[in-house]
mmCIF file of all heavy atoms, coordinates in Angstrom:
data_MODEL
# 
_entry.id   MODEL 
# 
loop_
_atom_site.group_PDB 
_atom_site.id 
_atom_site.type_symbol 
_atom_site.label_atom_id 
_atom_site.label_alt_id 
_atom_site.label_comp_id 
_atom_site.label_asym_id 
_atom_site.label_entity_id 
_atom_site.label_seq_id 
_atom_site.pdbx_PDB_ins_code 
_atom_site.Cartn_x 
_atom_site.Cartn_y 
_atom_site.Cartn_z 
_atom_site.occupancy 
_atom_site.B_iso_or_equiv 
_atom_site.pdbx_formal_charge 
_atom_site.auth_seq_id 
_atom_site.auth_comp_id 
_atom_site.auth_asym_id 
_atom_site.auth_atom_id 
_atom_site.pdbx_PDB_model_num 
ATOM 1   N N   . MET A 1 1  ? 5.470   -7.680  14.029  1.00 0.00 ? 1  MET A N   1 
ATOM 2   C CA  . MET A 1 1  ? 6.328   -8.626  13.336  1.00 0.00 ? 1  MET A CA  1 
ATOM 3   C C   . MET A 1 1  ? 5.490   -9.295  12.252  1.00 0.00 ? 1  MET A C   1 
ATOM 4   O O   . MET A 1 1  ? 4.716   -10.208 12.521  1.00 0.00 ? 1  MET A O   1 
ATOM 5   C CB  . MET A 1 1  ? 6.878   -9.675  14.303  1.00 0.00 ? 1  MET A CB  1 
ATOM 6   C CG  . MET A 1 1  ? 7.822   -10.674 13.647  1.00 0.00 ? 1  MET A CG  1 
ATOM 7   S SD  . MET A 1 1  ? 9.384   -9.924  13.122  1.00 0.00 ? 1  MET A SD  1 
ATOM 8   C CE  . MET A 1 1  ? 10.161  -9.654  14.722  1.00 0.00 ? 1  MET A CE  1 
ATOM 9   N N   . LEU A 1 2  ? 5.636   -8.807  11.019  1.00 0.00 ? 2  LEU A N   1 
ATOM 10  C CA  . LEU A 1 2  ? 4.900   -9.397  9.903   1.00 0.00 ? 2  LEU A CA  1 
ATOM 11  C C   . LEU A 1 2  ? 5.669   -10.585 9.343   1.00 0.00 ? 2  LEU A C   1 
ATOM 12  O O   . LEU A 1 2  ? 6.895   -10.534 9.221   1.00 0.00 ? 2  LEU A O   1 
ATOM 13  C CB  . LEU A 1 2  ? 4.675   -8.362  8.803   1.00 0.00 ? 2  LEU A CB  1 
ATOM 14  C CG  . LEU A 1 2  ? 3.888   -7.100  9.177   1.00 0.00 ? 2  LEU A CG  1 
ATOM 15  C CD1 . LEU A 1 2  ? 3.738   -6.190  7.968   1.00 0.00 ? 2  LEU A CD1 1 
ATOM 16  C CD2 . LEU A 1 2  ? 2.528   -7.462  9.739   1.00 0.00 ? 2  LEU A CD2 1 
ATOM 17  N N   . ASN A 1 3  ? 4.948   -11.614 9.006   1.00 0.00 ? 3  ASN A N   1 
ATOM 18  C CA  . ASN A 1 3  ? 5.550   -12.812 8.415   1.00 0.00 ? 3  ASN A CA  1 
ATOM 19  C C   . ASN A 1 3  ? 4.719   -13.219 7.205   1.00 0.00 ? 3  ASN A C   1 
ATOM 20  O O   . ASN A 1 3  ? 3.939   -14.178 7.257   1.00 0.00 ? 3  ASN A O   1 
ATOM 21  C CB  . ASN A 1 3  ? 5.609   -13.936 9.454   1.00 0.00 ? 3  ASN A CB  1 
ATOM 22  C CG  . ASN A 1 3  ? 6.322   -15.167 8.930   1.00 0.00 ? 3  ASN A CG  1 
ATOM 23  O OD1 . ASN A 1 3  ? 7.160   -15.071 8.020   1.00 0.00 ? 3  ASN A OD1 1 
ATOM 24  N ND2 . ASN A 1 3  ? 5.977   -16.322 9.471   1.00 0.00 ? 3  ASN A ND2 1 
ATOM 25  N N   . PRO A 1 4  ? 4.850   -12.491 6.087   1.00 0.00 ? 4  PRO A N   1 
ATOM 26  C CA  . PRO A 1 4  ? 4.003   -12.759 4.915   1.00 0.00 ? 4  PRO A CA  1 
ATOM 27  C C   . PRO A 1 4  ? 4.180   -14.176 4.387   1.00 0.00 ? 4  PRO A C   1 
ATOM 28  O O   . PRO A 1 4  ? 5.300   -14.693 4.305   1.00 0.00 ? 4  PRO A O   1 
ATOM 29  C CB  . PRO A 1 4  ? 4.485   -11.717 3.890   1.00 0.00 ? 4  PRO A CB  1 
ATOM 30  C CG  . PRO A 1 4  ? 5.148   -10.649 4.699   1.00 0.00 ? 4  PRO A CG  1 
ATOM 31  C CD  . PRO A 1 4  ? 5.763   -11.362 5.866   1.00 0.00 ? 4  PRO A CD  1 
ATOM 32  N N   . ASN A 1 5  ? 3.083   -14.794 4.025   1.00 0.00 ? 5  ASN A N   1 
ATOM 33  C CA  . ASN A 1 5  ? 3.085   -16.123 3.417   1.00 0.00 ? 5  ASN A CA  1 
ATOM 34  C C   . ASN A 1 5  ? 3.438   -15.965 1.941   1.00 0.00 ? 5  ASN A C   1 
ATOM 35  O O   . ASN A 1 5  ? 2.656   -15.406 1.175   1.00 0.00 ? 5  ASN A O   1 
ATOM 36  C CB  . ASN A 1 5  ? 1.700   -16.752 3.574   1.00 0.00 ? 5  ASN A CB  1 
ATOM 37  C CG  . ASN A 1 5  ? 1.603   -18.131 2.955   1.00 0.00 ? 5  ASN A CG  1 
ATOM 38  O OD1 . ASN A 1 5  ? 2.497   -18.581 2.240   1.00 0.00 ? 5  ASN A OD1 1 
ATOM 39  N ND2 . ASN A 1 5  ? 0.505   -18.816 3.221   1.00 0.00 ? 5  ASN A ND2 1 
ATOM 40  N N   . PRO A 1 6  ? 4.603   -16.446 1.496   1.00 0.00 ? 6  PRO A N   1 
ATOM 41  C CA  . PRO A 1 6  ? 5.023   -16.225 0.109   1.00 0.00 ? 6  PRO A CA  1 
ATOM 42  C C   . PRO A 1 6  ? 4.118   -16.890 -0.924  1.00 0.00 ? 6  PRO A C   1 
ATOM 43  O O   . PRO A 1 6  ? 4.138   -16.515 -2.095  1.00 0.00 ? 6  PRO A O   1 
ATOM 44  C CB  . PRO A 1 6  ? 6.440   -16.818 0.065   1.00 0.00 ? 6  PRO A CB  1 
ATOM 45  C CG  . PRO A 1 6  ? 6.478   -17.803 1.190   1.00 0.00 ? 6  PRO A CG  1 
ATOM 46  C CD  . PRO A 1 6  ? 5.592   -17.220 2.262   1.00 0.00 ? 6  PRO A CD  1 
ATOM 47  N N   . ASP A 1 7  ? 3.319   -17.862 -0.495  1.00 0.00 ? 7  ASP A N   1 
ATOM 48  C CA  . ASP A 1 7  ? 2.382   -18.487 -1.431  1.00 0.00 ? 7  ASP A CA  1 
ATOM 49  C C   . ASP A 1 7  ? 1.193   -17.585 -1.737  1.00 0.00 ? 7  ASP A C   1 
ATOM 50  O O   . ASP A 1 7  ? 0.483   -17.795 -2.717  1.00 0.00 ? 7  ASP A O   1 
ATOM 51  C CB  . ASP A 1 7  ? 1.870   -19.820 -0.871  1.00 0.00 ? 7  ASP A CB  1 
ATOM 52  C CG  . ASP A 1 7  ? 2.958   -20.885 -0.855  1.00 0.00 ? 7  ASP A CG  1 
ATOM 53  O OD1 . ASP A 1 7  ? 3.836   -20.849 -1.739  1.00 0.00 ? 7  ASP A OD1 1 
ATOM 54  O OD2 . ASP A 1 7  ? 2.928   -21.745 0.048   1.00 0.00 ? 7  ASP A OD2 1 
ATOM 55  N N   . GLU A 1 8  ? 0.977   -16.581 -0.876  1.00 0.00 ? 8  GLU A N   1 
ATOM 56  C CA  . GLU A 1 8  ? -0.167  -15.699 -1.060  1.00 0.00 ? 8  GLU A CA  1 
ATOM 57  C C   . GLU A 1 8  ? 0.219   -14.238 -1.242  1.00 0.00 ? 8  GLU A C   1 
ATOM 58  O O   . GLU A 1 8  ? -0.509  -13.485 -1.899  1.00 0.00 ? 8  GLU A O   1 
ATOM 59  C CB  . GLU A 1 8  ? -1.114  -15.813 0.137   1.00 0.00 ? 8  GLU A CB  1 
ATOM 60  C CG  . GLU A 1 8  ? -1.713  -17.194 0.338   1.00 0.00 ? 8  GLU A CG  1 
ATOM 61  C CD  . GLU A 1 8  ? -2.857  -17.187 1.315   1.00 0.00 ? 8  GLU A CD  1 
ATOM 62  O OE1 . GLU A 1 8  ? -3.821  -16.436 1.104   1.00 0.00 ? 8  GLU A OE1 1 
ATOM 63  O OE2 . GLU A 1 8  ? -2.783  -17.928 2.306   1.00 0.00 ? 8  GLU A OE2 1 
ATOM 64  N N   . VAL A 1 9  ? 1.342   -13.836 -0.659  1.00 0.00 ? 9  VAL A N   1 
ATOM 65  C CA  . VAL A 1 9  ? 1.725   -12.419 -0.643  1.00 0.00 ? 9  VAL A CA  1 
ATOM 66  C C   . VAL A 1 9  ? 3.120   -12.250 -1.220  1.00 0.00 ? 9  VAL A C   1 
ATOM 67  O O   . VAL A 1 9  ? 4.078   -12.854 -0.740  1.00 0.00 ? 9  VAL A O   1 
ATOM 68  C CB  . VAL A 1 9  ? 1.678   -11.858 0.794   1.00 0.00 ? 9  VAL A CB  1 
ATOM 69  C CG1 . VAL A 1 9  ? 2.145   -10.402 0.822   1.00 0.00 ? 9  VAL A CG1 1 
ATOM 70  C CG2 . VAL A 1 9  ? 0.273   -11.986 1.369   1.00 0.00 ? 9  VAL A CG2 1 
ATOM 71  N N   . GLU A 1 10 ? 3.220   -11.429 -2.247  1.00 0.00 ? 10 GLU A N   1 
ATOM 72  C CA  . GLU A 1 10 ? 4.517   -11.161 -2.868  1.00 0.00 ? 10 GLU A CA  1 
ATOM 73  C C   . GLU A 1 10 ? 5.219   -9.975  -2.211  1.00 0.00 ? 10 GLU A C   1 
ATOM 74  O O   . GLU A 1 10 ? 6.439   -9.927  -2.131  1.00 0.00 ? 10 GLU A O   1 
ATOM 75  C CB  . GLU A 1 10 ? 4.309   -10.885 -4.356  1.00 0.00 ? 10 GLU A CB  1 
ATOM 76  C CG  . GLU A 1 10 ? 5.593   -10.730 -5.153  1.00 0.00 ? 10 GLU A CG  1 
ATOM 77  C CD  . GLU A 1 10 ? 5.333   -10.773 -6.644  1.00 0.00 ? 10 GLU A CD  1 
ATOM 78  O OE1 . GLU A 1 10 ? 4.714   -11.758 -7.111  1.00 0.00 ? 10 GLU A OE1 1 
ATOM 79  O OE2 . GLU A 1 10 ? 5.737   -9.825  -7.326  1.00 0.00 ? 10 GLU A OE2 1 
ATOM 80  N N   . GLU A 1 11 ? 4.432   -9.008  -1.754  1.00 0.00 ? 11 GLU A N   1 
ATOM 81  C CA  . GLU A 1 11 ? 5.014   -7.787  -1.188  1.00 0.00 ? 11 GLU A CA  1 
ATOM 82  C C   . GLU A 1 11 ? 4.003   -7.145  -0.248  1.00 0.00 ? 11 GLU A C   1 
ATOM 83  O O   . GLU A 1 11 ? 2.789   -7.270  -0.436  1.00 0.00 ? 11 GLU A O   1 
ATOM 84  C CB  . GLU A 1 11 ? 5.372   -6.805  -2.317  1.00 0.00 ? 11 GLU A CB  1 
ATOM 85  C CG  . GLU A 1 11 ? 6.034   -5.511  -1.859  1.00 0.00 ? 11 GLU A CG  1 
ATOM 86  C CD  . GLU A 1 11 ? 6.307   -4.567  -3.022  1.00 0.00 ? 11 GLU A CD  1 
ATOM 87  O OE1 . GLU A 1 11 ? 6.377   -5.049  -4.175  1.00 0.00 ? 11 GLU A OE1 1 
ATOM 88  O OE2 . GLU A 1 11 ? 6.431   -3.354  -2.771  1.00 0.00 ? 11 GLU A OE2 1 
ATOM 89  N N   . VAL A 1 12 ? 4.507   -6.464  0.777   1.00 0.00 ? 12 VAL A N   1 
ATOM 90  C CA  . VAL A 1 12 ? 3.688   -5.653  1.673   1.00 0.00 ? 12 VAL A CA  1 
ATOM 91  C C   . VAL A 1 12 ? 4.191   -4.220  1.580   1.00 0.00 ? 12 VAL A C   1 
ATOM 92  O O   . VAL A 1 12 ? 5.399   -3.980  1.610   1.00 0.00 ? 12 VAL A O   1 
ATOM 93  C CB  . VAL A 1 12 ? 3.788   -6.154  3.132   1.00 0.00 ? 12 VAL A CB  1 
ATOM 94  C CG1 . VAL A 1 12 ? 2.962   -5.261  4.063   1.00 0.00 ? 12 VAL A CG1 1 
ATOM 95  C CG2 . VAL A 1 12 ? 3.335   -7.603  3.238   1.00 0.00 ? 12 VAL A CG2 1 
ATOM 96  N N   . PHE A 1 13 ? 3.283   -3.272  1.418   1.00 0.00 ? 13 PHE A N   1 
ATOM 97  C CA  . PHE A 1 13 ? 3.702   -1.870  1.367   1.00 0.00 ? 13 PHE A CA  1 
ATOM 98  C C   . PHE A 1 13 ? 2.624   -1.006  2.002   1.00 0.00 ? 13 PHE A C   1 
ATOM 99  O O   . PHE A 1 13 ? 1.483   -1.432  2.194   1.00 0.00 ? 13 PHE A O   1 
ATOM 100 C CB  . PHE A 1 13 ? 3.997   -1.414  -0.068  1.00 0.00 ? 13 PHE A CB  1 
ATOM 101 C CG  . PHE A 1 13 ? 2.792   -1.341  -0.968  1.00 0.00 ? 13 PHE A CG  1 
ATOM 102 C CD1 . PHE A 1 13 ? 2.142   -0.134  -1.204  1.00 0.00 ? 13 PHE A CD1 1 
ATOM 103 C CD2 . PHE A 1 13 ? 2.315   -2.485  -1.613  1.00 0.00 ? 13 PHE A CD2 1 
ATOM 104 C CE1 . PHE A 1 13 ? 1.049   -0.067  -2.039  1.00 0.00 ? 13 PHE A CE1 1 
ATOM 105 C CE2 . PHE A 1 13 ? 1.220   -2.425  -2.458  1.00 0.00 ? 13 PHE A CE2 1 
ATOM 106 C CZ  . PHE A 1 13 ? 0.584   -1.208  -2.678  1.00 0.00 ? 13 PHE A CZ  1 
ATOM 107 N N   . THR A 1 14 ? 3.009   0.220   2.347   1.00 0.00 ? 14 THR A N   1 
ATOM 108 C CA  . THR A 1 14 ? 2.063   1.153   2.943   1.00 0.00 ? 14 THR A CA  1 
ATOM 109 C C   . THR A 1 14 ? 1.991   2.418   2.098   1.00 0.00 ? 14 THR A C   1 
ATOM 110 O O   . THR A 1 14 ? 2.939   2.771   1.398   1.00 0.00 ? 14 THR A O   1 
ATOM 111 C CB  . THR A 1 14 ? 2.462   1.545   4.379   1.00 0.00 ? 14 THR A CB  1 
ATOM 112 O OG1 . THR A 1 14 ? 3.729   2.202   4.362   1.00 0.00 ? 14 THR A OG1 1 
ATOM 113 C CG2 . THR A 1 14 ? 2.524   0.324   5.287   1.00 0.00 ? 14 THR A CG2 1 
ATOM 114 N N   . LEU A 1 15 ? 0.842   3.072   2.170   1.00 0.00 ? 15 LEU A N   1 
ATOM 115 C CA  . LEU A 1 15 ? 0.671   4.397   1.587   1.00 0.00 ? 15 LEU A CA  1 
ATOM 116 C C   . LEU A 1 15 ? 0.147   5.315   2.682   1.00 0.00 ? 15 LEU A C   1 
ATOM 117 O O   . LEU A 1 15 ? -0.885  5.016   3.300   1.00 0.00 ? 15 LEU A O   1 
ATOM 118 C CB  . LEU A 1 15 ? -0.326  4.364   0.425   1.00 0.00 ? 15 LEU A CB  1 
ATOM 119 C CG  . LEU A 1 15 ? 0.159   3.713   -0.868  1.00 0.00 ? 15 LEU A CG  1 
ATOM 120 C CD1 . LEU A 1 15 ? -0.990  3.593   -1.863  1.00 0.00 ? 15 LEU A CD1 1 
ATOM 121 C CD2 . LEU A 1 15 ? 1.296   4.530   -1.486  1.00 0.00 ? 15 LEU A CD2 1 
ATOM 122 N N   . PRO A 1 16 ? 0.830   6.422   2.948   1.00 0.00 ? 16 PRO A N   1 
ATOM 123 C CA  . PRO A 1 16 ? 0.335   7.355   3.963   1.00 0.00 ? 16 PRO A CA  1 
ATOM 124 C C   . PRO A 1 16 ? -1.034  7.897   3.576   1.00 0.00 ? 16 PRO A C   1 
ATOM 125 O O   . PRO A 1 16 ? -1.325  8.116   2.393   1.00 0.00 ? 16 PRO A O   1 
ATOM 126 C CB  . PRO A 1 16 ? 1.388   8.478   3.959   1.00 0.00 ? 16 PRO A CB  1 
ATOM 127 C CG  . PRO A 1 16 ? 2.614   7.856   3.369   1.00 0.00 ? 16 PRO A CG  1 
ATOM 128 C CD  . PRO A 1 16 ? 2.121   6.853   2.369   1.00 0.00 ? 16 PRO A CD  1 
ATOM 129 N N   . LEU A 1 17 ? -1.879  8.124   4.559   1.00 0.00 ? 17 LEU A N   1 
ATOM 130 C CA  . LEU A 1 17 ? -3.190  8.699   4.270   1.00 0.00 ? 17 LEU A CA  1 
ATOM 131 C C   . LEU A 1 17 ? -3.039  10.075  3.624   1.00 0.00 ? 17 LEU A C   1 
ATOM 132 O O   . LEU A 1 17 ? -3.841  10.454  2.765   1.00 0.00 ? 17 LEU A O   1 
ATOM 133 C CB  . LEU A 1 17 ? -4.009  8.799   5.557   1.00 0.00 ? 17 LEU A CB  1 
ATOM 134 C CG  . LEU A 1 17 ? -4.371  7.461   6.213   1.00 0.00 ? 17 LEU A CG  1 
ATOM 135 C CD1 . LEU A 1 17 ? -5.203  7.694   7.469   1.00 0.00 ? 17 LEU A CD1 1 
ATOM 136 C CD2 . LEU A 1 17 ? -5.111  6.548   5.253   1.00 0.00 ? 17 LEU A CD2 1 
ATOM 137 N N   . ALA A 1 18 ? -1.998  10.814  4.020   1.00 0.00 ? 18 ALA A N   1 
ATOM 138 C CA  . ALA A 1 18 ? -1.761  12.127  3.404   1.00 0.00 ? 18 ALA A CA  1 
ATOM 139 C C   . ALA A 1 18 ? -1.515  11.986  1.908   1.00 0.00 ? 18 ALA A C   1 
ATOM 140 O O   . ALA A 1 18 ? -1.955  12.812  1.107   1.00 0.00 ? 18 ALA A O   1 
ATOM 141 C CB  . ALA A 1 18 ? -0.573  12.822  4.076   1.00 0.00 ? 18 ALA A CB  1 
ATOM 142 N N   . HIS A 1 19 ? -0.791  10.947  1.508   1.00 0.00 ? 19 HIS A N   1 
ATOM 143 C CA  . HIS A 1 19 ? -0.540  10.682  0.094   1.00 0.00 ? 19 HIS A CA  1 
ATOM 144 C C   . HIS A 1 19 ? -1.849  10.374  -0.629  1.00 0.00 ? 19 HIS A C   1 
ATOM 145 O O   . HIS A 1 19 ? -2.120  10.919  -1.707  1.00 0.00 ? 19 HIS A O   1 
ATOM 146 C CB  . HIS A 1 19 ? 0.419   9.493   -0.022  1.00 0.00 ? 19 HIS A CB  1 
ATOM 147 C CG  . HIS A 1 19 ? 0.642   9.006   -1.425  1.00 0.00 ? 19 HIS A CG  1 
ATOM 148 N ND1 . HIS A 1 19 ? 1.680   9.444   -2.206  1.00 0.00 ? 19 HIS A ND1 1 
ATOM 149 C CD2 . HIS A 1 19 ? -0.056  8.109   -2.172  1.00 0.00 ? 19 HIS A CD2 1 
ATOM 150 C CE1 . HIS A 1 19 ? 1.611   8.847   -3.398  1.00 0.00 ? 19 HIS A CE1 1 
ATOM 151 N NE2 . HIS A 1 19 ? 0.565   8.038   -3.397  1.00 0.00 ? 19 HIS A NE2 1 
ATOM 152 N N   . LEU A 1 20 ? -2.673  9.523   -0.041  1.00 0.00 ? 20 LEU A N   1 
ATOM 153 C CA  . LEU A 1 20 ? -3.932  9.133   -0.672  1.00 0.00 ? 20 LEU A CA  1 
ATOM 154 C C   . LEU A 1 20 ? -4.909  10.297  -0.768  1.00 0.00 ? 20 LEU A C   1 
ATOM 155 O O   . LEU A 1 20 ? -5.756  10.330  -1.671  1.00 0.00 ? 20 LEU A O   1 
ATOM 156 C CB  . LEU A 1 20 ? -4.563  7.986   0.111   1.00 0.00 ? 20 LEU A CB  1 
ATOM 157 C CG  . LEU A 1 20 ? -3.801  6.654   0.075   1.00 0.00 ? 20 LEU A CG  1 
ATOM 158 C CD1 . LEU A 1 20 ? -4.315  5.707   1.149   1.00 0.00 ? 20 LEU A CD1 1 
ATOM 159 C CD2 . LEU A 1 20 ? -3.897  6.002   -1.303  1.00 0.00 ? 20 LEU A CD2 1 
ATOM 160 N N   . LEU A 1 21 ? -4.805  11.253  0.138   1.00 0.00 ? 21 LEU A N   1 
ATOM 161 C CA  . LEU A 1 21 ? -5.723  12.386  0.164   1.00 0.00 ? 21 LEU A CA  1 
ATOM 162 C C   . LEU A 1 21 ? -5.305  13.526  -0.769  1.00 0.00 ? 21 LEU A C   1 
ATOM 163 O O   . LEU A 1 21 ? -6.082  14.457  -0.971  1.00 0.00 ? 21 LEU A O   1 
ATOM 164 C CB  . LEU A 1 21 ? -5.872  12.918  1.597   1.00 0.00 ? 21 LEU A CB  1 
ATOM 165 C CG  . LEU A 1 21 ? -6.699  12.035  2.534   1.00 0.00 ? 21 LEU A CG  1 
ATOM 166 C CD1 . LEU A 1 21 ? -6.515  12.483  3.980   1.00 0.00 ? 21 LEU A CD1 1 
ATOM 167 C CD2 . LEU A 1 21 ? -8.177  12.081  2.149   1.00 0.00 ? 21 LEU A CD2 1 
ATOM 168 N N   . ARG A 1 22 ? -4.107  13.461  -1.315  1.00 0.00 ? 22 ARG A N   1 
ATOM 169 C CA  . ARG A 1 22 ? -3.671  14.513  -2.242  1.00 0.00 ? 22 ARG A CA  1 
ATOM 170 C C   . ARG A 1 22 ? -4.302  14.278  -3.610  1.00 0.00 ? 22 ARG A C   1 
ATOM 171 O O   . ARG A 1 22 ? -4.227  13.191  -4.173  1.00 0.00 ? 22 ARG A O   1 
ATOM 172 C CB  . ARG A 1 22 ? -2.147  14.505  -2.375  1.00 0.00 ? 22 ARG A CB  1 
ATOM 173 C CG  . ARG A 1 22 ? -1.418  14.971  -1.134  1.00 0.00 ? 22 ARG A CG  1 
ATOM 174 C CD  . ARG A 1 22 ? 0.038   15.306  -1.471  1.00 0.00 ? 22 ARG A CD  1 
ATOM 175 N NE  . ARG A 1 22 ? 0.781   15.615  -0.284  1.00 0.00 ? 22 ARG A NE  1 
ATOM 176 C CZ  . ARG A 1 22 ? 1.742   14.859  0.251   1.00 0.00 ? 22 ARG A CZ  1 
ATOM 177 N NH1 . ARG A 1 22 ? 2.080   13.731  -0.359  1.00 0.00 ? 22 ARG A NH1 1 
ATOM 178 N NH2 . ARG A 1 22 ? 2.368   15.227  1.346   1.00 0.00 ? 22 ARG A NH2 1 
ATOM 179 N N   . GLU A 1 23 ? -4.867  15.334  -4.173  1.00 0.00 ? 23 GLU A N   1 
ATOM 180 C CA  . GLU A 1 23 ? -5.566  15.201  -5.453  1.00 0.00 ? 23 GLU A CA  1 
ATOM 181 C C   . GLU A 1 23 ? -4.650  14.734  -6.571  1.00 0.00 ? 23 GLU A C   1 
ATOM 182 O O   . GLU A 1 23 ? -5.089  14.023  -7.474  1.00 0.00 ? 23 GLU A O   1 
ATOM 183 C CB  . GLU A 1 23 ? -6.233  16.529  -5.835  1.00 0.00 ? 23 GLU A CB  1 
ATOM 184 C CG  . GLU A 1 23 ? -7.457  16.849  -4.979  1.00 0.00 ? 23 GLU A CG  1 
ATOM 185 C CD  . GLU A 1 23 ? -8.255  17.999  -5.545  1.00 0.00 ? 23 GLU A CD  1 
ATOM 186 O OE1 . GLU A 1 23 ? -8.003  18.400  -6.696  1.00 0.00 ? 23 GLU A OE1 1 
ATOM 187 O OE2 . GLU A 1 23 ? -9.141  18.501  -4.827  1.00 0.00 ? 23 GLU A OE2 1 
ATOM 188 N N   . GLU A 1 24 ? -3.373  15.124  -6.519  1.00 0.00 ? 24 GLU A N   1 
ATOM 189 C CA  . GLU A 1 24 ? -2.472  14.721  -7.597  1.00 0.00 ? 24 GLU A CA  1 
ATOM 190 C C   . GLU A 1 24 ? -2.203  13.217  -7.595  1.00 0.00 ? 24 GLU A C   1 
ATOM 191 O O   . GLU A 1 24 ? -1.688  12.673  -8.579  1.00 0.00 ? 24 GLU A O   1 
ATOM 192 C CB  . GLU A 1 24 ? -1.147  15.490  -7.517  1.00 0.00 ? 24 GLU A CB  1 
ATOM 193 C CG  . GLU A 1 24 ? -0.357  15.270  -6.242  1.00 0.00 ? 24 GLU A CG  1 
ATOM 194 C CD  . GLU A 1 24 ? -0.610  16.338  -5.193  1.00 0.00 ? 24 GLU A CD  1 
ATOM 195 O OE1 . GLU A 1 24 ? -1.746  16.879  -5.160  1.00 0.00 ? 24 GLU A OE1 1 
ATOM 196 O OE2 . GLU A 1 24 ? 0.320   16.637  -4.429  1.00 0.00 ? 24 GLU A OE2 1 
ATOM 197 N N   . ASN A 1 25 ? -2.541  12.542  -6.496  1.00 0.00 ? 25 ASN A N   1 
ATOM 198 C CA  . ASN A 1 25 ? -2.364  11.085  -6.419  1.00 0.00 ? 25 ASN A CA  1 
ATOM 199 C C   . ASN A 1 25 ? -3.664  10.321  -6.638  1.00 0.00 ? 25 ASN A C   1 
ATOM 200 O O   . ASN A 1 25 ? -3.695  9.104   -6.490  1.00 0.00 ? 25 ASN A O   1 
ATOM 201 C CB  . ASN A 1 25 ? -1.769  10.712  -5.058  1.00 0.00 ? 25 ASN A CB  1 
ATOM 202 C CG  . ASN A 1 25 ? -0.413  11.337  -4.835  1.00 0.00 ? 25 ASN A CG  1 
ATOM 203 O OD1 . ASN A 1 25 ? 0.370   11.480  -5.773  1.00 0.00 ? 25 ASN A OD1 1 
ATOM 204 N ND2 . ASN A 1 25 ? -0.119  11.721  -3.602  1.00 0.00 ? 25 ASN A ND2 1 
ATOM 205 N N   . GLN A 1 26 ? -4.712  11.055  -6.986  1.00 0.00 ? 26 GLN A N   1 
ATOM 206 C CA  . GLN A 1 26 ? -6.025  10.450  -7.218  1.00 0.00 ? 26 GLN A CA  1 
ATOM 207 C C   . GLN A 1 26 ? -6.377  10.515  -8.699  1.00 0.00 ? 26 GLN A C   1 
ATOM 208 O O   . GLN A 1 26 ? -6.183  11.548  -9.336  1.00 0.00 ? 26 GLN A O   1 
ATOM 209 C CB  . GLN A 1 26 ? -7.101  11.190  -6.413  1.00 0.00 ? 26 GLN A CB  1 
ATOM 210 C CG  . GLN A 1 26 ? -6.852  11.195  -4.914  1.00 0.00 ? 26 GLN A CG  1 
ATOM 211 C CD  . GLN A 1 26 ? -7.728  12.203  -4.189  1.00 0.00 ? 26 GLN A CD  1 
ATOM 212 O OE1 . GLN A 1 26 ? -8.632  12.801  -4.778  1.00 0.00 ? 26 GLN A OE1 1 
ATOM 213 N NE2 . GLN A 1 26 ? -7.466  12.401  -2.915  1.00 0.00 ? 26 GLN A NE2 1 
ATOM 214 N N   . GLY A 1 27 ? -6.862  9.430   -9.219  1.00 0.00 ? 27 GLY A N   1 
ATOM 215 C CA  . GLY A 1 27 ? -7.297  9.406   -10.609 1.00 0.00 ? 27 GLY A CA  1 
ATOM 216 C C   . GLY A 1 27 ? -8.606  8.656   -10.722 1.00 0.00 ? 27 GLY A C   1 
ATOM 217 O O   . GLY A 1 27 ? -9.227  8.293   -9.717  1.00 0.00 ? 27 GLY A O   1 
ATOM 218 N N   . TYR A 1 28 ? -9.047  8.450   -11.930 1.00 0.00 ? 28 TYR A N   1 
ATOM 219 C CA  . TYR A 1 28 ? -10.279 7.708   -12.162 1.00 0.00 ? 28 TYR A CA  1 
ATOM 220 C C   . TYR A 1 28 ? -10.244 7.132   -13.564 1.00 0.00 ? 28 TYR A C   1 
ATOM 221 O O   . TYR A 1 28 ? -9.484  7.571   -14.426 1.00 0.00 ? 28 TYR A O   1 
ATOM 222 C CB  . TYR A 1 28 ? -11.509 8.600   -11.983 1.00 0.00 ? 28 TYR A CB  1 
ATOM 223 C CG  . TYR A 1 28 ? -11.504 9.842   -12.841 1.00 0.00 ? 28 TYR A CG  1 
ATOM 224 C CD1 . TYR A 1 28 ? -12.013 9.811   -14.142 1.00 0.00 ? 28 TYR A CD1 1 
ATOM 225 C CD2 . TYR A 1 28 ? -10.991 11.036  -12.358 1.00 0.00 ? 28 TYR A CD2 1 
ATOM 226 C CE1 . TYR A 1 28 ? -11.996 10.949  -14.941 1.00 0.00 ? 28 TYR A CE1 1 
ATOM 227 C CE2 . TYR A 1 28 ? -10.974 12.173  -13.143 1.00 0.00 ? 28 TYR A CE2 1 
ATOM 228 C CZ  . TYR A 1 28 ? -11.482 12.126  -14.426 1.00 0.00 ? 28 TYR A CZ  1 
ATOM 229 O OH  . TYR A 1 28 ? -11.458 13.246  -15.218 1.00 0.00 ? 28 TYR A OH  1 
# 
């Protein structure tokens, strides 16, 4: 049960590790 503090957090989101590990989603 997440209860983000609106004074500090505007949004919470997740990225799957599979997404982060795909080369097409990696840049520099």
